N, C-alpha and C. Protein backbone atom coordinates (compact mmCIF):
# COMPACT_ATOMS: atom_id res chain seq x y z
N MET A 1 -10.49 16.84 -8.82
CA MET A 1 -9.06 15.94 -8.52
C MET A 1 -8.63 15.25 -9.48
N GLU A 2 -9.56 15.29 -10.92
CA GLU A 2 -9.56 14.41 -11.45
C GLU A 2 -8.15 14.27 -12.37
N GLY A 3 -7.33 13.42 -12.92
CA GLY A 3 -6.16 13.31 -13.46
C GLY A 3 -5.02 13.03 -12.02
N THR A 4 -5.22 13.11 -10.86
CA THR A 4 -4.47 13.28 -10.37
C THR A 4 -3.87 12.02 -9.69
N ILE A 5 -2.29 11.75 -9.73
CA ILE A 5 -1.55 10.55 -9.33
C ILE A 5 -1.30 10.56 -8.09
N ILE A 6 -2.09 9.19 -7.64
CA ILE A 6 -2.03 8.50 -6.56
C ILE A 6 -1.22 7.27 -6.14
N THR A 7 -0.53 7.00 -5.26
CA THR A 7 0.40 6.00 -5.02
C THR A 7 -0.29 4.98 -4.05
N CYS A 8 -0.26 3.60 -4.36
CA CYS A 8 -0.67 2.61 -3.61
C CYS A 8 0.35 2.35 -2.49
N MET A 9 -0.19 2.36 -1.19
CA MET A 9 0.53 1.75 -0.07
C MET A 9 0.14 0.57 0.51
N SER A 10 -1.11 -0.10 0.26
CA SER A 10 -1.56 -1.24 0.54
C SER A 10 -2.39 -1.58 -0.18
N ILE A 11 -2.69 -3.08 -0.66
CA ILE A 11 -3.79 -3.41 -1.08
C ILE A 11 -4.84 -3.93 -0.55
N GLY A 12 -4.78 -4.22 0.84
CA GLY A 12 -5.84 -4.96 1.49
C GLY A 12 -6.45 -5.91 0.36
N VAL A 13 -7.92 -6.04 0.46
CA VAL A 13 -8.70 -7.21 -0.07
C VAL A 13 -8.50 -6.78 -1.75
N TYR A 14 -7.56 -5.89 -2.25
CA TYR A 14 -7.61 -5.56 -3.66
C TYR A 14 -6.43 -6.05 -4.44
N ALA A 15 -6.05 -7.18 -4.24
CA ALA A 15 -5.10 -7.97 -4.90
C ALA A 15 -5.45 -7.66 -6.06
N HIS A 16 -6.23 -8.11 -6.63
CA HIS A 16 -6.59 -8.54 -8.18
C HIS A 16 -6.26 -7.05 -8.95
N ALA A 17 -6.68 -5.60 -8.08
CA ALA A 17 -6.88 -4.38 -8.92
C ALA A 17 -5.40 -3.55 -8.63
N LEU A 18 -5.00 -4.08 -7.33
CA LEU A 18 -3.59 -3.30 -6.81
C LEU A 18 -2.14 -3.82 -7.03
N THR A 19 -1.55 -2.98 -7.20
CA THR A 19 -0.19 -3.55 -6.47
C THR A 19 0.42 -2.52 -5.61
N ARG A 20 1.09 -2.80 -4.72
CA ARG A 20 1.64 -1.69 -3.66
C ARG A 20 2.91 -1.48 -4.32
N GLY A 21 2.74 0.22 -4.47
CA GLY A 21 3.94 1.31 -4.60
C GLY A 21 3.62 1.43 -6.25
N ASN A 22 2.75 0.87 -6.82
CA ASN A 22 2.14 1.19 -8.28
C ASN A 22 1.58 2.43 -8.29
N LYS A 23 1.30 3.45 -9.13
CA LYS A 23 0.86 4.80 -9.36
C LYS A 23 -0.42 4.52 -10.42
N TYR A 24 -1.41 5.38 -9.85
CA TYR A 24 -2.29 5.47 -10.44
C TYR A 24 -3.22 6.74 -10.57
N ILE A 25 -3.85 6.91 -11.81
CA ILE A 25 -4.24 8.25 -12.15
C ILE A 25 -5.82 8.17 -11.70
N VAL A 26 -6.23 9.41 -10.84
CA VAL A 26 -7.89 9.49 -10.43
C VAL A 26 -8.53 9.55 -11.36
N LYS A 27 -9.81 8.62 -11.69
CA LYS A 27 -10.71 9.14 -13.08
C LYS A 27 -11.75 9.58 -11.99
N LYS A 28 -12.44 9.49 -11.00
CA LYS A 28 -13.27 10.68 -10.06
C LYS A 28 -12.92 10.35 -8.67
N GLU A 29 -13.26 11.14 -7.86
CA GLU A 29 -13.34 10.99 -6.17
C GLU A 29 -14.66 11.54 -5.64
N ASP A 30 -14.60 10.75 -4.45
CA ASP A 30 -15.75 10.85 -3.84
C ASP A 30 -15.04 11.19 -2.12
N ARG A 31 -15.99 11.58 -1.21
CA ARG A 31 -15.42 11.98 -0.23
C ARG A 31 -14.68 11.09 0.70
N ASP A 32 -14.49 9.60 0.27
CA ASP A 32 -13.96 8.73 0.97
C ASP A 32 -12.89 7.49 0.05
N LYS A 33 -13.45 7.68 -1.20
CA LYS A 33 -12.56 6.60 -2.34
C LYS A 33 -11.99 7.53 -3.40
N TYR A 34 -11.56 6.77 -4.04
CA TYR A 34 -11.20 7.13 -5.39
C TYR A 34 -11.24 5.95 -6.69
N ARG A 35 -11.79 6.39 -7.76
CA ARG A 35 -12.23 5.43 -9.01
C ARG A 35 -10.94 5.65 -9.95
N ILE A 36 -10.21 4.59 -9.94
CA ILE A 36 -9.08 4.07 -10.72
C ILE A 36 -9.15 3.22 -11.49
N THR A 37 -8.38 2.98 -12.61
CA THR A 37 -8.27 1.72 -13.37
C THR A 37 -7.50 1.03 -12.73
N GLY A 38 -7.90 -0.44 -12.67
CA GLY A 38 -7.12 -1.26 -11.54
C GLY A 38 -5.98 -2.00 -12.44
N ASN A 39 -5.23 -3.04 -12.07
CA ASN A 39 -4.37 -3.70 -13.00
C ASN A 39 -5.10 -4.55 -13.79
N HIS A 40 -6.71 -4.86 -13.69
CA HIS A 40 -7.10 -5.86 -14.29
C HIS A 40 -7.69 -5.09 -15.59
N GLY A 41 -7.22 -4.12 -15.44
CA GLY A 41 -7.79 -3.07 -16.64
C GLY A 41 -9.55 -2.34 -16.55
N LYS A 42 -10.22 -2.79 -15.56
CA LYS A 42 -11.39 -2.18 -15.14
C LYS A 42 -11.64 -1.21 -13.89
N ALA A 43 -12.64 0.04 -13.99
CA ALA A 43 -12.65 0.62 -13.16
C ALA A 43 -13.40 0.32 -11.85
N VAL A 44 -12.36 0.61 -10.91
CA VAL A 44 -13.03 0.28 -9.83
C VAL A 44 -13.02 1.82 -8.34
N TRP A 45 -13.89 1.23 -7.41
CA TRP A 45 -13.63 2.45 -6.44
C TRP A 45 -13.15 2.11 -5.43
N ILE A 46 -12.19 2.41 -4.43
CA ILE A 46 -11.08 2.01 -3.40
C ILE A 46 -11.07 3.01 -2.95
N SER A 47 -11.08 2.84 -1.35
CA SER A 47 -10.72 3.80 -0.29
C SER A 47 -9.78 4.32 -0.27
N LYS A 48 -9.53 5.86 -0.10
CA LYS A 48 -8.64 6.42 -0.43
C LYS A 48 -7.55 5.81 1.21
N ALA A 49 -7.79 5.00 2.21
CA ALA A 49 -6.83 4.70 3.16
C ALA A 49 -5.74 3.65 2.29
N HIS A 50 -6.14 3.20 1.31
CA HIS A 50 -4.82 2.62 0.19
C HIS A 50 -3.86 3.17 0.01
N PHE A 51 -4.08 4.78 -0.55
CA PHE A 51 -3.00 5.28 -1.31
C PHE A 51 -2.66 6.93 -0.47
N ILE A 52 -1.39 7.06 -0.83
CA ILE A 52 -1.25 8.45 -0.85
C ILE A 52 -1.01 9.42 -1.95
N GLU A 53 -1.27 10.65 -1.87
CA GLU A 53 -1.58 11.19 -2.92
C GLU A 53 0.25 11.54 -3.49
N GLY A 54 0.29 11.57 -4.79
CA GLY A 54 1.77 12.02 -5.44
C GLY A 54 2.19 11.07 -6.05
N ASP A 55 3.14 10.95 -7.01
CA ASP A 55 4.46 10.43 -7.21
C ASP A 55 5.10 9.62 -6.38
N ILE A 56 5.01 8.82 -5.30
CA ILE A 56 5.87 8.67 -4.27
C ILE A 56 6.26 7.08 -4.58
N GLU A 57 7.74 7.37 -4.00
CA GLU A 57 8.56 5.90 -3.89
C GLU A 57 8.27 5.40 -2.73
N VAL A 58 7.57 3.97 -2.75
CA VAL A 58 7.38 3.29 -1.60
C VAL A 58 8.61 2.19 -1.24
N PRO A 59 9.07 2.17 -0.17
CA PRO A 59 9.91 1.44 0.25
C PRO A 59 9.48 -0.16 0.69
N TYR A 60 9.94 -1.23 0.08
CA TYR A 60 9.64 -2.15 0.56
C TYR A 60 11.05 -3.21 1.08
N LEU A 61 10.55 -4.25 1.64
CA LEU A 61 11.77 -5.39 2.34
C LEU A 61 11.77 -6.43 1.22
N GLU A 62 13.16 -6.53 0.82
CA GLU A 62 13.28 -7.44 -0.29
C GLU A 62 13.63 -8.53 0.50
N ARG A 63 14.41 -8.43 2.06
CA ARG A 63 14.74 -10.05 2.29
C ARG A 63 15.18 -9.83 4.25
N TRP A 64 14.77 -10.49 4.76
CA TRP A 64 15.23 -10.35 6.41
C TRP A 64 15.43 -11.77 6.88
N LYS A 65 16.02 -11.31 7.96
CA LYS A 65 16.19 -12.46 8.85
C LYS A 65 16.07 -12.50 10.35
N LEU A 66 15.69 -13.55 10.62
CA LEU A 66 15.50 -13.65 12.26
C LEU A 66 16.33 -14.50 12.78
N MET A 67 16.77 -13.86 13.77
CA MET A 67 18.05 -14.05 14.80
C MET A 67 17.64 -13.94 15.89
N MET A 68 17.70 -15.35 16.38
CA MET A 68 17.26 -15.84 17.92
C MET A 68 18.53 -15.52 19.02
N ILE A 69 18.23 -14.49 19.74
CA ILE A 69 19.43 -14.35 20.97
C ILE A 69 19.05 -15.01 22.32
N GLN A 70 19.80 -15.92 22.55
CA GLN A 70 19.91 -16.57 23.79
C GLN A 70 20.38 -16.08 24.94
N ARG A 71 18.97 -15.50 26.09
CA ARG A 71 19.73 -14.84 27.18
C ARG A 71 19.58 -15.98 28.27
N SER A 72 20.74 -15.84 28.97
CA SER A 72 20.62 -16.93 30.48
C SER A 72 20.12 -15.90 31.38
N LEU A 73 19.35 -16.85 32.53
CA LEU A 73 18.86 -15.92 33.61
C LEU A 73 19.80 -15.76 34.89
N ILE A 74 20.07 -14.83 35.12
CA ILE A 74 21.10 -14.74 36.55
C ILE A 74 19.93 -14.53 37.41
N TRP A 75 20.09 -15.57 38.52
CA TRP A 75 19.39 -14.94 40.33
C TRP A 75 20.27 -14.30 41.00
N TRP A 76 19.74 -13.34 41.48
CA TRP A 76 20.41 -13.02 42.47
C TRP A 76 19.65 -12.66 44.01
N ARG A 77 20.46 -12.86 44.65
CA ARG A 77 19.94 -13.20 46.13
C ARG A 77 20.14 -11.96 47.23
């Protein structure tokens, strides 16, 4: 599976090496992890759980707004 493109879905504890949504080329593959060249330029083994196979566009939330809705309680007898 060498040379396969994978897309990062979550960075976990690898913020120094991964960016969510970035594509990486698999250098080597083990049963449960990939060896890739991270953002910092070094080869690292990272769990497959952080990736999806293929050149996939990952949606991300640009902004959000929390709206509080007040509800009045009505007691029925």
